[in-house]
Structures are given as structure tokens and as C-alpha cells.
Amino acid sequence: MFWRGGRVRAIRPGSVEAALELALTDPVVNALAGARLQESARSAALSQEFSLAGEEQSPEGLLWHGVNLSPMSASDRALDDFGRHMTARARRASSVVGDRAAVQRLWEPLAPTWGADVREYRWRQPLLLAGDPAETPQLAPVGLRPAVRGEEQIVFPAAVAMFREEVGADPIAGDGGRSYRARVGELIRTRRTYVVIEDGEVLFKADVGSLFGPVAQIHGVWVRPDQRGRGLGRSGMAELVRQVRRDHAPRVSLYVNDFNEPARRAYAASGFRQVGELTTILF
């Protein structure tokens, strides 16, 4: 059954295969939303969080409208449909994130009603992809390894510091950090958090935040402030790429704020190159 947007309808179990096929046409751009689509494919969250535009077996675009609002591989017509559809719904997303051109078009009809809630616009976020294994620099090892169970209490303060610095919000507000602590624990249990630890303290941390098809998207990169400017970020990222390829997926990506020059230099030095541009609107 069509929604009020006209051509927009919930993704159902019978259409999830076609939806995943479309999302996988660009797994680097769609990594975050695509991973959530894949995770929810057999749950009630599927039809609650995901919609498509067009025919169920031949969608013209996908939209994640859960904790984030993210368009995936959507035509201009689909983006217009999604924009009209979402103006009739109350906002529950904490951010709008996706390909820059797609987010800009989706945002046009939403801005008059959602704009007052915006905390920050990050229009230009370079999307980076690690070079081929032969192109990954062989830098001095720094002892990077996956965090293991039992290290949650060591990793959690670093994760909180990263979140406050990167997102500009406090992840322990509201529920005292219960949900964020659970997320940190989940990443450690699935060997998706990588750390350099010395004397019981985290010096460097990065997470495999999303896994989608052949792509592992890195989130939560953090270097302890007193260790910055010493090459730890550059060497840690080069090691991270090799280990993530070994453990999770052959293609390693991340995105970064355009104004974060130190991070961009470290990523370039560790073999990342720009392949696109994302936008994030934070509420």
C-alpha cells in the first residue's frame, strides 16, 4: 500500500532483497544505512525504519528514517518523494546523513519545519577509501590490536571523550551512559574496536562502526590529546587498515569533517584517498 507520499512505501520482507541489491550498488556511500538495513532485514524494524520509492522489486531509491535520516541510491524523483513524505511526519532522527547532493535535495522541503531544531550543519565531509594493500604505507608499528572482553572499563572513557569531541554532545546524558556503554561493549565483543593501550590507558582508538557488503566503515577515531602531533594517528590508521582487511572486509572507508585538517593529513599519510563527499545535519 502506498503512503501519503504517493510512490513511497515501507520496505517489506518481500522487497528487502531488491532494496539490498540497490544499496549495494554503492556500498561505500551507503555503508551506515545499508548496514542497518541488513541488520533489520528479518525484524519488525524493517518496515518501521525503511521506505522505498517506486516499485517494490525495482526501487528508485531507499530511505532510512530511524535514528538517522539517510537516503540511499535515490534518483532525484525519489528524493523529492521522500522529502514530501517526511514533512508529514514528526522528526525522530538525531541527524540527516548521506551523499552531499542527495541530502541537499532531500533537505529542501524539510528545512522549513525541521530547520529550527538544527544544532550544526556539516555540509562538506570528504568520504575516504583506503588504497590498495600495496599502497598502504609500512609505518612503524604502534601495537594496535582488537580490544578484548574485560577492557570495557578502559575503553569507555576514551569512547566518551571521542563522542563529546566529535559530535558535540554527551553520550552519558539522559540514561547515565547505559545505552552507550552497551554499544561500546558490543563493538568489543565483536572485535570491532581497535586500540593502542599503554599503562592501562587508551592512547589510540578506532571502531569498525558499519559493515556492509565488501566495506568496513571506520568510526570513532580518537588519539589521546597529549599524544597528538607525534605520528600515532598516522601509524595507527595504517595498521588499522591492514587489520580490518584481515578481520572484516577488503575495502576500508571513513568520512571526516573538512575543517579537521590534522585528521585529514593523518588519513592521507596512511593511504586514504577521497572518493566522494557526505553531509551531516545534526539535531
C-alpha atoms as a PDB file:
ATOM      1  CA  MET A   1       0.000   0.000   0.000  1.00  0.00           C
ATOM      2  CA  PHE A   2       1.325   3.445  -0.908  1.00  0.00           C
ATOM      3  CA  TRP A   3       1.905   6.085   1.749  1.00  0.00           C
ATOM      4  CA  ARG A   4       0.806   9.686   1.570  1.00  0.00           C
ATOM      5  CA  GLY A   5       3.987  10.499  -0.355  1.00  0.00           C
ATOM      6  CA  GLY A   6       2.371   8.837  -3.399  1.00  0.00           C
ATOM      7  CA  ARG A   7       5.143   6.495  -4.520  1.00  0.00           C
ATOM      8  CA  VAL A   8       6.701   5.935  -1.100  1.00  0.00           C
ATOM      9  CA  ARG A   9       6.031   2.712   0.784  1.00  0.00           C
ATOM     10  CA  ALA A  10       7.536   0.707   3.601  1.00  0.00           C
ATOM     11  CA  ILE A  11      10.122  -1.909   2.733  1.00  0.00           C
ATOM     12  CA  ARG A  12       8.666  -5.333   3.488  1.00  0.00           C
ATOM     13  CA  PRO A  13      10.347  -8.748   3.692  1.00  0.00           C
ATOM     14  CA  GLY A  14       9.378  -9.478   0.105  1.00  0.00           C
ATOM     15  CA  SER A  15      11.178  -6.393  -1.177  1.00  0.00           C
ATOM     16  CA  VAL A  16      14.246  -6.402   1.060  1.00  0.00           C
ATOM     17  CA  GLU A  17      16.368  -8.361  -1.439  1.00  0.00           C
ATOM     18  CA  ALA A  18      15.746  -5.766  -4.145  1.00  0.00           C
ATOM     19  CA  ALA A  19      16.430  -2.981  -1.642  1.00  0.00           C
ATOM     20  CA  LEU A  20      19.747  -4.515  -0.584  1.00  0.00           C
ATOM     21  CA  GLU A  21      20.718  -5.017  -4.212  1.00  0.00           C
ATOM     22  CA  LEU A  22      20.156  -1.315  -4.870  1.00  0.00           C
ATOM     23  CA  ALA A  23      22.044  -0.225  -1.730  1.00  0.00           C
ATOM     24  CA  LEU A  24      24.986  -2.439  -2.699  1.00  0.00           C
ATOM     25  CA  THR A  25      25.420  -0.584  -5.982  1.00  0.00           C
ATOM     26  CA  ASP A  26      27.333   1.966  -3.868  1.00  0.00           C
ATOM     27  CA  PRO A  27      28.356   0.265  -0.613  1.00  0.00           C
ATOM     28  CA  VAL A  28      30.914   2.928   0.323  1.00  0.00           C
ATOM     29  CA  VAL A  29      28.381   5.777   0.332  1.00  0.00           C
ATOM     30  CA  ASN A  30      25.601   3.578   1.747  1.00  0.00           C
ATOM     31  CA  ALA A  31      27.672   1.792   4.411  1.00  0.00           C
ATOM     32  CA  LEU A  32      25.980   3.226   7.501  1.00  0.00           C
ATOM     33  CA  ALA A  33      22.354   2.951   6.379  1.00  0.00           C
ATOM     34  CA  GLY A  34      22.992  -0.232   4.411  1.00  0.00           C
ATOM     35  CA  ALA A  35      24.390  -1.985   7.477  1.00  0.00           C
ATOM     36  CA  ARG A  36      21.246  -1.098   9.407  1.00  0.00           C
ATOM     37  CA  LEU A  37      19.049  -2.311   6.530  1.00  0.00           C
ATOM     38  CA  GLN A  38      20.902  -5.609   6.530  1.00  0.00           C
ATOM     39  CA  GLU A  39      20.640  -5.956  10.334  1.00  0.00           C
ATOM     40  CA  SER A  40      16.890  -5.283  10.373  1.00  0.00           C
ATOM     41  CA  ALA A  41      16.010  -7.395   7.315  1.00  0.00           C
ATOM     42  CA  ARG A  42      14.281 -10.064   9.421  1.00  0.00           C
ATOM     43  CA  SER A  43      12.829  -7.885  12.168  1.00  0.00           C
ATOM     44  CA  ALA A  44       9.828  -5.625  12.724  1.00  0.00           C
ATOM     45  CA  ALA A  45      12.184  -2.638  12.488  1.00  0.00           C
ATOM     46  CA  LEU A  46      12.447  -3.160   8.722  1.00  0.00           C
ATOM     47  CA  SER A  47       9.086  -1.635   7.770  1.00  0.00           C
ATOM     48  CA  GLN A  48       9.259   0.886  10.618  1.00  0.00           C
ATOM     49  CA  GLU A  49      12.652   2.327   9.651  1.00  0.00           C
ATOM     50  CA  PHE A  50      12.956   1.863   5.882  1.00  0.00           C
ATOM     51  CA  SER A  51      10.960   3.010   2.883  1.00  0.00           C
ATOM     52  CA  LEU A  52      11.423   2.820  -0.860  1.00  0.00           C
ATOM     53  CA  ALA A  53      10.211   4.904  -3.770  1.00  0.00           C
ATOM     54  CA  GLY A  54       8.810   3.238  -6.870  1.00  0.00           C
ATOM     55  CA  GLU A  55       8.122  -0.429  -7.428  1.00  0.00           C
ATOM     56  CA  GLU A  56       8.957  -2.941  -4.713  1.00  0.00           C
ATOM     57  CA  GLN A  57      11.078  -5.144  -6.961  1.00  0.00           C
ATOM     58  CA  SER A  58      12.640  -2.225  -8.815  1.00  0.00           C
ATOM     59  CA  PRO A  59      13.037   0.655  -6.348  1.00  0.00           C
ATOM     60  CA  GLU A  60      14.265   4.061  -7.469  1.00  0.00           C
ATOM     61  CA  GLY A  61      15.672   4.908  -4.055  1.00  0.00           C
ATOM     62  CA  LEU A  62      15.707   3.935  -0.399  1.00  0.00           C
ATOM     63  CA  LEU A  63      15.301   5.940   2.792  1.00  0.00           C
ATOM     64  CA  TRP A  64      16.359   5.063   6.323  1.00  0.00           C
ATOM     65  CA  HIS A  65      14.213   7.019   8.782  1.00  0.00           C
ATOM     66  CA  GLY A  66      15.328   5.590  12.112  1.00  0.00           C
ATOM     67  CA  VAL A  67      17.896   7.128  14.435  1.00  0.00           C
ATOM     68  CA  ASN A  68      19.284   8.782  11.304  1.00  0.00           C
ATOM     69  CA  LEU A  69      17.570  10.016   8.173  1.00  0.00           C
ATOM     70  CA  SER A  70      19.610   8.727   5.237  1.00  0.00           C
ATOM     71  CA  PRO A  71      18.792   8.489   1.526  1.00  0.00           C
ATOM     72  CA  MET A  72      20.399   5.617  -0.357  1.00  0.00           C
ATOM     73  CA  SER A  73      20.997   5.416  -4.116  1.00  0.00           C
ATOM     74  CA  ALA A  74      17.965   7.594  -4.758  1.00  0.00           C
ATOM     75  CA  SER A  75      17.052   9.319  -8.002  1.00  0.00           C
ATOM     76  CA  ASP A  76      16.076  12.988  -7.938  1.00  0.00           C
ATOM     77  CA  ARG A  77      12.428  11.995  -8.252  1.00  0.00           C
ATOM     78  CA  ALA A  78      12.751   9.585  -5.327  1.00  0.00           C
ATOM     79  CA  LEU A  79      14.449  12.256  -3.211  1.00  0.00           C
ATOM     80  CA  ASP A  80      11.589  14.645  -3.914  1.00  0.00           C
ATOM     81  CA  ASP A  81       9.099  11.925  -2.950  1.00  0.00           C
ATOM     82  CA  PHE A  82      10.977  11.237   0.280  1.00  0.00           C
ATOM     83  CA  GLY A  83      11.151  14.912   1.154  1.00  0.00           C
ATOM     84  CA  ARG A  84       7.403  15.390   0.738  1.00  0.00           C
ATOM     85  CA  HIS A  85       6.729  12.182   2.650  1.00  0.00           C
ATOM     86  CA  MET A  86       8.878  13.148   5.642  1.00  0.00           C
ATOM     87  CA  THR A  87       7.385  16.640   6.009  1.00  0.00           C
ATOM     88  CA  ALA A  88       4.158  14.934   7.101  1.00  0.00           C
ATOM     89  CA  ARG A  89       5.918  13.027   9.867  1.00  0.00           C
ATOM     90  CA  ALA A  90       7.344  14.129  13.202  1.00  0.00           C
ATOM     91  CA  ARG A  91      11.125  14.142  13.302  1.00  0.00           C
ATOM     92  CA  ARG A  92      12.720  11.375  15.343  1.00  0.00           C
ATOM     93  CA  ALA A  93      16.127  11.291  13.691  1.00  0.00           C
ATOM     94  CA  SER A  94      19.133  12.698  15.526  1.00  0.00           C
ATOM     95  CA  SER A  95      20.790  13.571  12.218  1.00  0.00           C
ATOM     96  CA  VAL A  96      20.416  13.631   8.445  1.00  0.00           C
ATOM     97  CA  VAL A  97      23.400  11.971   6.782  1.00  0.00           C
ATOM     98  CA  GLY A  98      24.295  10.808   3.303  1.00  0.00           C
ATOM     99  CA  ASP A  99      25.687  11.799  -0.065  1.00  0.00           C
ATOM    100  CA  ARG A 100      26.004  15.569  -0.108  1.00  0.00           C
ATOM    101  CA  ALA A 101      23.945  16.230  -3.250  1.00  0.00           C
ATOM    102  CA  ALA A 102      21.231  13.796  -2.109  1.00  0.00           C
ATOM    103  CA  VAL A 103      20.981  15.324   1.372  1.00  0.00           C
ATOM    104  CA  GLN A 104      20.800  18.842  -0.049  1.00  0.00           C
ATOM    105  CA  ARG A 105      17.865  17.897  -2.267  1.00  0.00           C
ATOM    106  CA  LEU A 106      16.112  15.918   0.481  1.00  0.00           C
ATOM    107  CA  TRP A 107      16.591  18.789   2.936  1.00  0.00           C
ATOM    108  CA  GLU A 108      14.878  21.472   0.820  1.00  0.00           C
ATOM    109  CA  PRO A 109      11.273  20.582   1.779  1.00  0.00           C
ATOM    110  CA  LEU A 110      12.284  19.638   5.331  1.00  0.00           C
ATOM    111  CA  ALA A 111      14.161  22.825   6.200  1.00  0.00           C
ATOM    112  CA  PRO A 112      11.083  24.988   6.939  1.00  0.00           C
ATOM    113  CA  THR A 113       9.811  22.590   9.631  1.00  0.00           C
ATOM    114  CA  TRP A 114      12.972  20.814  10.817  1.00  0.00           C
ATOM    115  CA  GLY A 115      15.423  23.674  10.445  1.00  0.00           C
ATOM    116  CA  ALA A 116      14.677  25.254  13.820  1.00  0.00           C
ATOM    117  CA  ASP A 117      15.966  22.122  15.558  1.00  0.00           C
ATOM    118  CA  VAL A 118      19.333  22.018  13.786  1.00  0.00           C
ATOM    119  CA  ARG A 119      22.353  22.138  16.078  1.00  0.00           C
ATOM    120  CA  GLU A 120      25.023  22.078  13.370  1.00  0.00           C
ATOM    121  CA  TYR A 121      25.383  21.757   9.593  1.00  0.00           C
ATOM    122  CA  ARG A 122      28.382  19.819   8.316  1.00  0.00           C
ATOM    123  CA  TRP A 123      27.900  20.221   4.599  1.00  0.00           C
ATOM    124  CA  ARG A 124      31.305  19.039   3.395  1.00  0.00           C
ATOM    125  CA  GLN A 125      32.630  15.756   4.762  1.00  0.00           C
ATOM    126  CA  PRO A 126      35.166  14.066   2.486  1.00  0.00           C
ATOM    127  CA  LEU A 127      34.433  10.357   2.067  1.00  0.00           C
ATOM    128  CA  LEU A 128      37.708   8.447   2.021  1.00  0.00           C
ATOM    129  CA  LEU A 129      38.738   4.967   0.917  1.00  0.00           C
ATOM    130  CA  ALA A 130      41.989   3.230   1.786  1.00  0.00           C
ATOM    131  CA  GLY A 131      44.239   2.488  -1.171  1.00  0.00           C
ATOM    132  CA  ASP A 132      45.113  -0.982  -2.376  1.00  0.00           C
ATOM    133  CA  PRO A 133      47.128  -3.114   0.073  1.00  0.00           C
ATOM    134  CA  ALA A 134      50.308  -2.428  -1.880  1.00  0.00           C
ATOM    135  CA  GLU A 135      49.684   1.306  -1.433  1.00  0.00           C
ATOM    136  CA  THR A 136      49.223   1.157   2.357  1.00  0.00           C
ATOM    137  CA  PRO A 137      52.335   2.735   3.910  1.00  0.00           C
ATOM    138  CA  GLN A 138      54.547   0.477   6.003  1.00  0.00           C
ATOM    139  CA  LEU A 139      54.891   2.711   9.040  1.00  0.00           C
ATOM    140  CA  ALA A 140      56.415   1.848  12.400  1.00  0.00           C
ATOM    141  CA  PRO A 141      54.067  -0.464  14.353  1.00  0.00           C
ATOM    142  CA  VAL A 142      52.387   1.058  17.387  1.00  0.00           C
ATOM    143  CA  GLY A 143      50.922  -2.065  18.968  1.00  0.00           C
ATOM    144  CA  LEU A 144      47.401  -1.741  17.618  1.00  0.00           C
ATOM    145  CA  ARG A 145      45.140  -4.710  18.352  1.00  0.00           C
ATOM    146  CA  PRO A 146      41.461  -5.542  18.817  1.00  0.00           C
ATOM    147  CA  ALA A 147      40.185  -4.716  22.284  1.00  0.00           C
ATOM    148  CA  VAL A 148      39.120  -7.799  24.239  1.00  0.00           C
ATOM    149  CA  ARG A 149      36.428  -8.569  26.782  1.00  0.00           C
ATOM    150  CA  GLY A 150      37.340  -7.224  30.156  1.00  0.00           C
ATOM    151  CA  GLU A 151      38.699  -3.975  28.699  1.00  0.00           C
ATOM    152  CA  GLU A 152      35.335  -2.212  28.522  1.00  0.00           C
ATOM    153  CA  GLN A 153      36.130  -0.033  31.545  1.00  0.00           C
ATOM    154  CA  ILE A 154      39.416   1.054  29.961  1.00  0.00           C
ATOM    155  CA  VAL A 155      37.922   1.775  26.532  1.00  0.00           C
ATOM    156  CA  PHE A 156      34.722   3.503  27.705  1.00  0.00           C
ATOM    157  CA  PRO A 157      36.329   6.812  28.855  1.00  0.00           C
ATOM    158  CA  ALA A 158      38.140   7.115  25.519  1.00  0.00           C
ATOM    159  CA  ALA A 159      34.902   6.437  23.643  1.00  0.00           C
ATOM    160  CA  VAL A 160      33.090   9.104  25.657  1.00  0.00           C
ATOM    161  CA  ALA A 161      35.881  11.636  25.055  1.00  0.00           C
ATOM    162  CA  MET A 162      35.755  10.900  21.326  1.00  0.00           C
ATOM    163  CA  PHE A 163      31.969  11.317  21.180  1.00  0.00           C
ATOM    164  CA  ARG A 164      31.990  14.612  23.053  1.00  0.00           C
ATOM    165  CA  GLU A 165      34.739  15.985  20.839  1.00  0.00           C
ATOM    166  CA  GLU A 166      33.415  14.724  17.514  1.00  0.00           C
ATOM    167  CA  VAL A 167      29.640  15.011  17.914  1.00  0.00           C
ATOM    168  CA  GLY A 168      29.495  17.872  20.397  1.00  0.00           C
ATOM    169  CA  ALA A 169      27.091  16.043  22.695  1.00  0.00           C
ATOM    170  CA  ASP A 170      27.404  13.946  25.832  1.00  0.00           C
ATOM    171  CA  PRO A 171      26.665  10.218  25.308  1.00  0.00           C
ATOM    172  CA  ILE A 172      26.152   9.637  29.022  1.00  0.00           C
ATOM    173  CA  ALA A 173      23.403  12.242  29.335  1.00  0.00           C
ATOM    174  CA  GLY A 174      19.846  11.032  29.703  1.00  0.00           C
ATOM    175  CA  ASP A 175      20.335   7.396  30.713  1.00  0.00           C
ATOM    176  CA  GLY A 176      23.655   7.809  32.508  1.00  0.00           C
ATOM    177  CA  GLY A 177      25.513   6.242  29.608  1.00  0.00           C
ATOM    178  CA  ARG A 178      23.757   2.867  29.785  1.00  0.00           C
ATOM    179  CA  SER A 179      22.985   2.621  26.058  1.00  0.00           C
ATOM    180  CA  TYR A 180      26.356   3.998  25.006  1.00  0.00           C
ATOM    181  CA  ARG A 181      28.167   1.608  27.365  1.00  0.00           C
ATOM    182  CA  ALA A 182      26.209  -1.254  25.769  1.00  0.00           C
ATOM    183  CA  ARG A 183      27.314  -0.096  22.311  1.00  0.00           C
ATOM    184  CA  VAL A 184      30.960   0.034  23.412  1.00  0.00           C
ATOM    185  CA  GLY A 185      30.611  -3.457  24.842  1.00  0.00           C
ATOM    186  CA  GLU A 186      29.011  -4.788  21.661  1.00  0.00           C
ATOM    187  CA  LEU A 187      31.834  -3.465  19.497  1.00  0.00           C
ATOM    188  CA  ILE A 188      34.413  -5.051  21.762  1.00  0.00           C
ATOM    189  CA  ARG A 189      32.590  -8.409  21.816  1.00  0.00           C
ATOM    190  CA  THR A 190      32.513  -8.472  18.019  1.00  0.00           C
ATOM    191  CA  ARG A 191      36.208  -7.473  17.774  1.00  0.00           C
ATOM    192  CA  ARG A 192      35.344  -4.227  16.020  1.00  0.00           C
ATOM    193  CA  THR A 193      37.186  -1.861  18.378  1.00  0.00           C
ATOM    194  CA  TYR A 194      40.944  -1.471  17.864  1.00  0.00           C
ATOM    195  CA  VAL A 195      43.181   0.136  20.461  1.00  0.00           C
ATOM    196  CA  VAL A 196      46.690   1.058  21.483  1.00  0.00           C
ATOM    197  CA  ILE A 197      46.870   0.716  25.276  1.00  0.00           C
ATOM    198  CA  GLU A 198      49.807   1.613  27.495  1.00  0.00           C
ATOM    199  CA  ASP A 199      49.875   1.517  31.302  1.00  0.00           C
ATOM    200  CA  GLY A 200      46.162   0.768  31.378  1.00  0.00           C
ATOM    201  CA  GLU A 201      45.143   3.804  29.302  1.00  0.00           C
ATOM    202  CA  VAL A 202      43.963   4.103  25.708  1.00  0.00           C
ATOM    203  CA  LEU A 203      46.285   6.165  23.518  1.00  0.00           C
ATOM    204  CA  PHE A 204      44.522   5.434  20.200  1.00  0.00           C
ATOM    205  CA  LYS A 205      41.089   4.009  19.407  1.00  0.00           C
ATOM    206  CA  ALA A 206      39.040   3.325  16.292  1.00  0.00           C
ATOM    207  CA  ASP A 207      35.894   1.295  15.641  1.00  0.00           C
ATOM    208  CA  VAL A 208      34.501  -0.591  12.684  1.00  0.00           C
ATOM    209  CA  GLY A 209      31.211   1.222  13.010  1.00  0.00           C
ATOM    210  CA  SER A 210      29.500  -0.300   9.975  1.00  0.00           C
ATOM    211  CA  LEU A 211      29.953  -3.433   7.889  1.00  0.00           C
ATOM    212  CA  PHE A 212      28.106  -3.575   4.582  1.00  0.00           C
ATOM    213  CA  GLY A 213      28.970  -5.913   1.740  1.00  0.00           C
ATOM    214  CA  PRO A 214      32.686  -5.527   0.973  1.00  0.00           C
ATOM    215  CA  VAL A 215      33.004  -2.319   3.012  1.00  0.00           C
ATOM    216  CA  ALA A 216      34.083  -1.676   6.596  1.00  0.00           C
ATOM    217  CA  GLN A 217      33.422   1.926   7.596  1.00  0.00           C
ATOM    218  CA  ILE A 218      35.599   3.293  10.390  1.00  0.00           C
ATOM    219  CA  HIS A 219      34.015   5.448  13.105  1.00  0.00           C
ATOM    220  CA  GLY A 220      35.187   6.872  16.385  1.00  0.00           C
ATOM    221  CA  VAL A 221      38.858   7.530  15.647  1.00  0.00           C
ATOM    222  CA  TRP A 222      40.491   9.138  18.691  1.00  0.00           C
ATOM    223  CA  VAL A 223      44.022   9.942  19.813  1.00  0.00           C
ATOM    224  CA  ARG A 224      44.624  10.973  23.417  1.00  0.00           C
ATOM    225  CA  PRO A 225      45.285  14.736  23.382  1.00  0.00           C
ATOM    226  CA  ASP A 226      48.796  14.521  24.848  1.00  0.00           C
ATOM    227  CA  GLN A 227      49.771  12.059  22.096  1.00  0.00           C
ATOM    228  CA  ARG A 228      48.644  14.177  19.155  1.00  0.00           C
ATOM    229  CA  GLY A 229      51.153  15.539  16.666  1.00  0.00           C
ATOM    230  CA  ARG A 230      53.554  12.623  17.237  1.00  0.00           C
ATOM    231  CA  GLY A 231      52.545  10.398  14.328  1.00  0.00           C
ATOM    232  CA  LEU A 232      50.433   7.993  16.372  1.00  0.00           C
ATOM    233  CA  GLY A 233      47.294   8.730  14.361  1.00  0.00           C
ATOM    234  CA  ARG A 234      49.046   8.190  11.035  1.00  0.00           C
ATOM    235  CA  SER A 235      50.738   4.949  12.094  1.00  0.00           C
ATOM    236  CA  GLY A 236      47.658   3.693  13.915  1.00  0.00           C
ATOM    237  CA  MET A 237      45.470   4.203  10.865  1.00  0.00           C
ATOM    238  CA  ALA A 238      47.907   2.391   8.568  1.00  0.00           C
ATOM    239  CA  GLU A 239      47.921  -0.581  10.958  1.00  0.00           C
ATOM    240  CA  LEU A 240      44.154  -0.362  11.326  1.00  0.00           C
ATOM    241  CA  VAL A 241      43.589  -0.733   7.589  1.00  0.00           C
ATOM    242  CA  ARG A 242      45.680  -3.909   7.448  1.00  0.00           C
ATOM    243  CA  GLN A 243      43.968  -5.460  10.474  1.00  0.00           C
ATOM    244  CA  VAL A 244      40.430  -4.528   9.411  1.00  0.00           C
ATOM    245  CA  ARG A 245      41.055  -6.060   5.982  1.00  0.00           C
ATOM    246  CA  ARG A 246      42.288  -9.211   7.702  1.00  0.00           C
ATOM    247  CA  ASP A 247      39.396  -9.383  10.179  1.00  0.00           C
ATOM    248  CA  HIS A 248      36.348  -7.874   8.486  1.00  0.00           C
ATOM    249  CA  ALA A 249      36.237  -6.571   4.894  1.00  0.00           C
ATOM    250  CA  PRO A 250      38.551  -5.787   1.958  1.00  0.00           C
ATOM    251  CA  ARG A 251      37.504  -2.167   1.475  1.00  0.00           C
ATOM    252  CA  VAL A 252      38.069   0.257   4.357  1.00  0.00           C
ATOM    253  CA  SER A 253      36.414   3.674   4.348  1.00  0.00           C
ATOM    254  CA  LEU A 254      35.662   6.609   6.621  1.00  0.00           C
ATOM    255  CA  TYR A 255      34.454  10.177   6.412  1.00  0.00           C
ATOM    256  CA  VAL A 256      35.889  13.264   8.066  1.00  0.00           C
ATOM    257  CA  ASN A 257      34.894  16.872   8.623  1.00  0.00           C
ATOM    258  CA  ASP A 258      36.501  19.143   6.046  1.00  0.00           C
ATOM    259  CA  PHE A 259      37.718  21.515   8.776  1.00  0.00           C
ATOM    260  CA  ASN A 260      39.630  18.769  10.641  1.00  0.00           C
ATOM    261  CA  GLU A 261      42.955  19.359   8.940  1.00  0.00           C
ATOM    262  CA  PRO A 262      45.123  17.279  11.330  1.00  0.00           C
ATOM    263  CA  ALA A 263      42.906  14.219  10.822  1.00  0.00           C
ATOM    264  CA  ARG A 264      42.807  14.706   7.059  1.00  0.00           C
ATOM    265  CA  ARG A 265      46.606  14.857   6.929  1.00  0.00           C
ATOM    266  CA  ALA A 266      46.888  11.693   9.021  1.00  0.00           C
ATOM    267  CA  TYR A 267      44.414   9.830   6.814  1.00  0.00           C
ATOM    268  CA  ALA A 268      46.196  10.923   3.629  1.00  0.00           C
ATOM    269  CA  ALA A 269      49.552   9.850   5.055  1.00  0.00           C
ATOM    270  CA  SER A 270      48.120   6.433   5.923  1.00  0.00           C
ATOM    271  CA  GLY A 271      46.930   5.813   2.367  1.00  0.00           C
ATOM    272  CA  PHE A 272      43.342   7.103   2.221  1.00  0.00           C
ATOM    273  CA  ARG A 273      42.045   8.997  -0.819  1.00  0.00           C
ATOM    274  CA  GLN A 274      38.824  10.917  -1.347  1.00  0.00           C
ATOM    275  CA  VAL A 275      36.109   9.131  -3.340  1.00  0.00           C
ATOM    276  CA  GLY A 276      33.057  11.262  -2.523  1.00  0.00           C
ATOM    277  CA  GLU A 277      31.529  13.773  -0.176  1.00  0.00           C
ATOM    278  CA  LEU A 278      28.892  13.368   2.532  1.00  0.00           C
ATOM    279  CA  THR A 279      26.796  15.813   4.528  1.00  0.00           C
ATOM    280  CA  THR A 280      25.613  15.531   8.129  1.00  0.00           C
ATOM    281  CA  ILE A 281      22.952  17.749   9.705  1.00  0.00           C
ATOM    282  CA  LEU A 282      22.898  17.374  13.496  1.00  0.00           C
ATOM    283  CA  PHE A 283      19.874  17.993  15.751  1.00  0.00           C
END
